[in-house]
N, C-alpha and C. Protein backbone atom coordinates (compact mmCIF):
# COMPACT_ATOMS: atom_id res chain seq x y z
N UNK A 1 75.11 -28.21 -216.12
CA UNK A 1 73.75 -28.13 -216.59
C UNK A 1 73.60 -29.11 -217.75
N UNK A 2 72.54 -29.86 -217.73
CA UNK A 2 72.30 -30.79 -218.83
C UNK A 2 71.83 -30.00 -220.05
N UNK A 3 71.86 -30.64 -221.21
CA UNK A 3 71.38 -30.00 -222.43
C UNK A 3 69.91 -29.61 -222.28
N UNK A 4 69.10 -30.48 -221.68
CA UNK A 4 67.68 -30.17 -221.48
C UNK A 4 67.51 -28.95 -220.56
N UNK A 5 68.29 -28.89 -219.50
CA UNK A 5 68.20 -27.75 -218.58
C UNK A 5 68.63 -26.46 -219.26
N UNK A 6 69.70 -26.53 -220.04
CA UNK A 6 70.18 -25.33 -220.72
C UNK A 6 69.15 -24.84 -221.74
N UNK A 7 68.56 -25.78 -222.47
CA UNK A 7 67.54 -25.39 -223.44
C UNK A 7 66.33 -24.79 -222.72
N UNK A 8 65.92 -25.40 -221.63
CA UNK A 8 64.82 -24.88 -220.83
C UNK A 8 65.14 -23.48 -220.32
N UNK A 9 66.36 -23.28 -219.84
CA UNK A 9 66.78 -21.97 -219.34
C UNK A 9 66.72 -20.93 -220.46
N UNK A 10 67.22 -21.27 -221.63
CA UNK A 10 67.20 -20.36 -222.76
C UNK A 10 65.77 -19.99 -223.15
N UNK A 11 64.93 -20.98 -223.29
CA UNK A 11 63.54 -20.72 -223.69
C UNK A 11 62.81 -19.90 -222.64
N UNK A 12 63.03 -20.19 -221.37
CA UNK A 12 62.38 -19.41 -220.30
C UNK A 12 62.82 -17.96 -220.36
N UNK A 13 64.12 -17.72 -220.53
CA UNK A 13 64.60 -16.35 -220.60
C UNK A 13 64.03 -15.63 -221.81
N UNK A 14 63.93 -16.32 -222.93
CA UNK A 14 63.37 -15.70 -224.13
C UNK A 14 61.89 -15.40 -223.91
N UNK A 15 61.16 -16.32 -223.31
CA UNK A 15 59.72 -16.12 -223.11
C UNK A 15 59.42 -14.91 -222.24
N UNK A 16 60.26 -14.61 -221.27
CA UNK A 16 60.00 -13.46 -220.41
C UNK A 16 60.70 -12.19 -220.89
N UNK A 17 61.62 -12.33 -221.83
CA UNK A 17 62.39 -11.18 -222.29
C UNK A 17 61.94 -10.70 -223.67
N UNK A 18 61.98 -11.60 -224.65
CA UNK A 18 61.63 -11.26 -226.04
C UNK A 18 60.96 -12.45 -226.70
N UNK A 19 59.70 -12.73 -226.40
CA UNK A 19 59.02 -13.91 -226.94
C UNK A 19 59.00 -13.96 -228.46
N UNK A 20 59.15 -12.83 -229.13
CA UNK A 20 59.15 -12.81 -230.59
C UNK A 20 60.36 -13.54 -231.18
N UNK A 21 61.35 -13.85 -230.35
CA UNK A 21 62.53 -14.60 -230.82
C UNK A 21 62.22 -16.08 -231.02
N UNK A 22 61.06 -16.53 -230.52
CA UNK A 22 60.62 -17.92 -230.69
C UNK A 22 59.64 -17.97 -231.85
N UNK A 23 59.96 -18.73 -232.88
CA UNK A 23 59.12 -18.82 -234.06
C UNK A 23 58.58 -20.25 -234.21
N UNK A 24 57.26 -20.41 -234.35
CA UNK A 24 56.69 -21.75 -234.53
C UNK A 24 57.34 -22.45 -235.73
N UNK A 25 57.66 -23.72 -235.52
CA UNK A 25 58.26 -24.52 -236.59
C UNK A 25 58.00 -25.99 -236.33
N UNK A 26 57.35 -26.66 -237.26
CA UNK A 26 57.07 -28.09 -237.12
C UNK A 26 56.34 -28.39 -235.82
N UNK A 27 56.91 -29.31 -235.04
CA UNK A 27 56.31 -29.69 -233.76
C UNK A 27 56.76 -28.81 -232.61
N UNK A 28 57.59 -27.83 -232.87
CA UNK A 28 58.12 -26.99 -231.80
C UNK A 28 58.31 -25.56 -232.26
N UNK A 29 59.53 -25.08 -232.14
CA UNK A 29 59.82 -23.71 -232.52
C UNK A 29 61.30 -23.57 -232.80
N UNK A 30 61.64 -22.49 -233.49
CA UNK A 30 63.02 -22.11 -233.75
C UNK A 30 63.33 -20.88 -232.93
N UNK A 31 64.60 -20.73 -232.58
CA UNK A 31 65.05 -19.56 -231.85
C UNK A 31 65.86 -18.70 -232.82
N UNK A 32 65.50 -17.43 -232.92
CA UNK A 32 66.20 -16.50 -233.78
C UNK A 32 66.70 -15.33 -232.95
N UNK A 33 67.99 -15.34 -232.62
CA UNK A 33 68.55 -14.27 -231.79
C UNK A 33 69.14 -13.13 -232.61
N UNK A 34 68.97 -13.18 -233.93
CA UNK A 34 69.57 -12.13 -234.78
C UNK A 34 69.10 -10.72 -234.40
N UNK A 35 67.83 -10.51 -233.98
CA UNK A 35 67.48 -9.15 -233.55
C UNK A 35 68.31 -8.67 -232.36
N UNK A 36 68.66 -9.57 -231.46
CA UNK A 36 69.51 -9.18 -230.32
C UNK A 36 70.93 -8.88 -230.78
N UNK A 37 71.41 -9.68 -231.71
CA UNK A 37 72.78 -9.47 -232.21
C UNK A 37 72.91 -8.13 -232.94
N UNK A 38 71.82 -7.68 -233.54
CA UNK A 38 71.84 -6.41 -234.27
C UNK A 38 71.60 -5.20 -233.37
N UNK A 39 71.19 -5.46 -232.15
CA UNK A 39 70.85 -4.39 -231.21
C UNK A 39 72.11 -3.87 -230.53
N UNK A 40 72.23 -2.55 -230.37
CA UNK A 40 73.42 -1.97 -229.73
C UNK A 40 73.36 -2.05 -228.21
N UNK A 41 72.25 -1.63 -227.66
CA UNK A 41 72.09 -1.62 -226.21
C UNK A 41 71.20 -2.77 -225.78
N UNK A 42 71.75 -3.67 -224.97
CA UNK A 42 71.01 -4.84 -224.49
C UNK A 42 70.75 -4.71 -223.00
N UNK A 43 69.59 -5.21 -222.59
CA UNK A 43 69.30 -5.29 -221.16
C UNK A 43 70.09 -6.46 -220.57
N UNK A 44 70.13 -6.53 -219.26
CA UNK A 44 70.81 -7.66 -218.61
C UNK A 44 70.15 -8.98 -219.00
N UNK A 45 68.83 -8.99 -219.11
CA UNK A 45 68.12 -10.22 -219.52
C UNK A 45 68.50 -10.61 -220.94
N UNK A 46 68.57 -9.63 -221.83
CA UNK A 46 68.94 -9.93 -223.22
C UNK A 46 70.37 -10.45 -223.33
N UNK A 47 71.27 -9.88 -222.53
CA UNK A 47 72.66 -10.38 -222.51
C UNK A 47 72.71 -11.83 -222.02
N UNK A 48 71.87 -12.14 -221.03
CA UNK A 48 71.82 -13.51 -220.52
C UNK A 48 71.28 -14.46 -221.58
N UNK A 49 70.27 -14.03 -222.33
CA UNK A 49 69.76 -14.84 -223.44
C UNK A 49 70.89 -15.16 -224.41
N UNK A 50 71.66 -14.16 -224.79
CA UNK A 50 72.76 -14.39 -225.74
C UNK A 50 73.84 -15.29 -225.15
N UNK A 51 74.12 -15.15 -223.87
CA UNK A 51 75.12 -16.04 -223.23
C UNK A 51 74.65 -17.48 -223.27
N UNK A 52 73.42 -17.72 -222.86
CA UNK A 52 72.89 -19.08 -222.85
C UNK A 52 72.85 -19.65 -224.27
N UNK A 53 72.42 -18.84 -225.22
CA UNK A 53 72.37 -19.28 -226.62
C UNK A 53 73.79 -19.61 -227.12
N UNK A 54 74.76 -18.80 -226.77
CA UNK A 54 76.14 -19.05 -227.18
C UNK A 54 76.70 -20.34 -226.62
N UNK A 55 76.42 -20.61 -225.35
CA UNK A 55 76.89 -21.86 -224.73
C UNK A 55 76.24 -23.05 -225.41
N UNK A 56 74.94 -22.98 -225.64
CA UNK A 56 74.22 -24.07 -226.26
C UNK A 56 74.69 -24.29 -227.70
N UNK A 57 74.91 -23.23 -228.42
CA UNK A 57 75.33 -23.33 -229.82
C UNK A 57 76.76 -23.83 -229.97
N UNK A 58 77.62 -23.47 -229.04
CA UNK A 58 79.04 -23.82 -229.15
C UNK A 58 79.29 -25.32 -229.04
N UNK A 59 78.47 -26.01 -228.30
CA UNK A 59 78.68 -27.45 -228.09
C UNK A 59 77.33 -28.16 -228.15
N UNK A 60 76.65 -28.04 -229.26
CA UNK A 60 75.28 -28.54 -229.39
C UNK A 60 75.14 -30.04 -229.12
N UNK A 61 76.21 -30.82 -229.32
CA UNK A 61 76.11 -32.26 -229.13
C UNK A 61 76.58 -32.72 -227.75
N UNK A 62 77.00 -31.78 -226.91
CA UNK A 62 77.50 -32.14 -225.58
C UNK A 62 76.35 -32.54 -224.67
N UNK A 63 76.56 -33.55 -223.80
CA UNK A 63 75.50 -33.94 -222.87
C UNK A 63 75.35 -32.98 -221.70
N UNK A 64 76.44 -32.31 -221.32
CA UNK A 64 76.43 -31.38 -220.20
C UNK A 64 77.17 -30.11 -220.58
N UNK A 65 76.77 -29.01 -219.95
CA UNK A 65 77.33 -27.71 -220.25
C UNK A 65 77.76 -27.04 -218.96
N UNK A 66 78.80 -26.26 -219.04
CA UNK A 66 79.24 -25.48 -217.91
C UNK A 66 78.83 -24.03 -218.13
N UNK A 67 77.99 -23.52 -217.24
CA UNK A 67 77.55 -22.14 -217.32
C UNK A 67 77.77 -21.52 -215.95
N UNK A 68 78.72 -20.63 -215.87
CA UNK A 68 79.00 -19.93 -214.62
C UNK A 68 78.17 -18.65 -214.58
N UNK A 69 77.18 -18.64 -213.71
CA UNK A 69 76.30 -17.49 -213.57
C UNK A 69 76.66 -16.70 -212.33
N UNK A 70 76.68 -15.39 -212.46
CA UNK A 70 76.83 -14.56 -211.28
C UNK A 70 75.49 -14.58 -210.54
N UNK A 71 75.47 -14.22 -209.26
CA UNK A 71 74.21 -14.29 -208.51
C UNK A 71 73.05 -13.55 -209.16
N UNK A 72 73.28 -12.40 -209.75
CA UNK A 72 72.18 -11.65 -210.39
C UNK A 72 71.63 -12.42 -211.59
N UNK A 73 72.49 -13.09 -212.36
CA UNK A 73 72.03 -13.89 -213.49
C UNK A 73 71.24 -15.10 -213.01
N UNK A 74 71.74 -15.76 -211.98
CA UNK A 74 71.04 -16.92 -211.42
C UNK A 74 69.65 -16.50 -210.93
N UNK A 75 69.57 -15.35 -210.30
CA UNK A 75 68.29 -14.84 -209.81
C UNK A 75 67.34 -14.54 -210.97
N UNK A 76 67.86 -13.90 -212.02
CA UNK A 76 67.02 -13.60 -213.20
C UNK A 76 66.51 -14.88 -213.84
N UNK A 77 67.39 -15.86 -213.95
CA UNK A 77 67.00 -17.12 -214.57
C UNK A 77 65.97 -17.86 -213.70
N UNK A 78 66.17 -17.90 -212.41
CA UNK A 78 65.20 -18.55 -211.51
C UNK A 78 63.84 -17.86 -211.60
N UNK A 79 63.84 -16.53 -211.67
CA UNK A 79 62.59 -15.78 -211.82
C UNK A 79 61.90 -16.13 -213.12
N UNK A 80 62.66 -16.18 -214.21
CA UNK A 80 62.09 -16.51 -215.53
C UNK A 80 61.50 -17.92 -215.52
N UNK A 81 62.21 -18.86 -214.93
CA UNK A 81 61.70 -20.23 -214.85
C UNK A 81 60.40 -20.28 -214.05
N UNK A 82 60.34 -19.53 -212.97
CA UNK A 82 59.13 -19.49 -212.16
C UNK A 82 57.95 -18.89 -212.91
N UNK A 83 58.20 -17.83 -213.66
CA UNK A 83 57.14 -17.21 -214.45
C UNK A 83 56.62 -18.15 -215.52
N UNK A 84 57.52 -18.82 -216.20
CA UNK A 84 57.12 -19.75 -217.25
C UNK A 84 56.37 -20.94 -216.65
N UNK A 85 56.85 -21.42 -215.52
CA UNK A 85 56.18 -22.55 -214.86
C UNK A 85 54.76 -22.20 -214.45
N UNK A 86 54.55 -20.98 -213.97
CA UNK A 86 53.22 -20.60 -213.48
C UNK A 86 52.28 -20.17 -214.61
N UNK A 87 52.78 -20.03 -215.81
CA UNK A 87 51.97 -19.53 -216.92
C UNK A 87 50.96 -20.56 -217.45
N UNK A 88 51.24 -21.83 -217.21
CA UNK A 88 50.32 -22.88 -217.70
C UNK A 88 50.63 -24.19 -217.01
N UNK A 89 49.83 -25.21 -217.28
CA UNK A 89 50.10 -26.53 -216.72
C UNK A 89 51.15 -27.23 -217.57
N UNK A 90 52.07 -27.90 -216.89
CA UNK A 90 53.16 -28.59 -217.57
C UNK A 90 53.14 -30.07 -217.21
N UNK A 91 53.67 -30.93 -218.07
CA UNK A 91 53.81 -32.35 -217.72
C UNK A 91 54.71 -32.49 -216.48
N UNK A 92 54.50 -33.54 -215.74
CA UNK A 92 55.23 -33.76 -214.49
C UNK A 92 56.74 -33.75 -214.69
N UNK A 93 57.24 -34.35 -215.76
CA UNK A 93 58.69 -34.38 -215.95
C UNK A 93 59.24 -32.99 -216.27
N UNK A 94 58.46 -32.16 -216.95
CA UNK A 94 58.89 -30.78 -217.22
C UNK A 94 58.95 -29.98 -215.92
N UNK A 95 57.94 -30.16 -215.07
CA UNK A 95 57.93 -29.48 -213.78
C UNK A 95 59.11 -29.91 -212.92
N UNK A 96 59.40 -31.19 -212.92
CA UNK A 96 60.52 -31.70 -212.13
C UNK A 96 61.84 -31.08 -212.60
N UNK A 97 62.03 -30.99 -213.90
CA UNK A 97 63.25 -30.40 -214.46
C UNK A 97 63.34 -28.93 -214.10
N UNK A 98 62.24 -28.21 -214.26
CA UNK A 98 62.22 -26.78 -213.94
C UNK A 98 62.51 -26.54 -212.46
N UNK A 99 61.85 -27.29 -211.61
CA UNK A 99 62.01 -27.08 -210.16
C UNK A 99 63.40 -27.47 -209.68
N UNK A 100 63.96 -28.52 -210.22
CA UNK A 100 65.32 -28.92 -209.84
C UNK A 100 66.33 -27.84 -210.24
N UNK A 101 66.15 -27.28 -211.43
CA UNK A 101 67.05 -26.23 -211.88
C UNK A 101 66.88 -24.97 -211.03
N UNK A 102 65.65 -24.60 -210.74
CA UNK A 102 65.40 -23.43 -209.89
C UNK A 102 66.00 -23.62 -208.51
N UNK A 103 65.89 -24.81 -207.95
CA UNK A 103 66.48 -25.08 -206.63
C UNK A 103 68.00 -24.89 -206.65
N UNK A 104 68.64 -25.33 -207.71
CA UNK A 104 70.09 -25.20 -207.81
C UNK A 104 70.51 -23.75 -208.03
N UNK A 105 69.64 -22.94 -208.61
CA UNK A 105 69.97 -21.54 -208.87
C UNK A 105 69.83 -20.66 -207.62
N UNK A 106 69.13 -21.14 -206.64
CA UNK A 106 68.90 -20.33 -205.43
C UNK A 106 70.07 -20.36 -204.50
């Protein structure tokens, strides 16, 4: 997964799971997963958010990331990407990235 794809995956999962973890900042937003880290019982979606965040944080300067998803995680991520894609109009390159990632997750 490229850095862009991993970031897209993380943001999509957050948007459908806990949008309050995204805080407006400058031209974009910051991700704050501390509420999840403080939580005892996590849903499967919340655990996936933390996994994706951990992979992205561990090697922030890497061009590509290895994320081994079980079928249920891949399905959850593809669903989240689809929901985010359908929520508004996106630039063509964003749609292409989202759709390519969704195709690989199926």
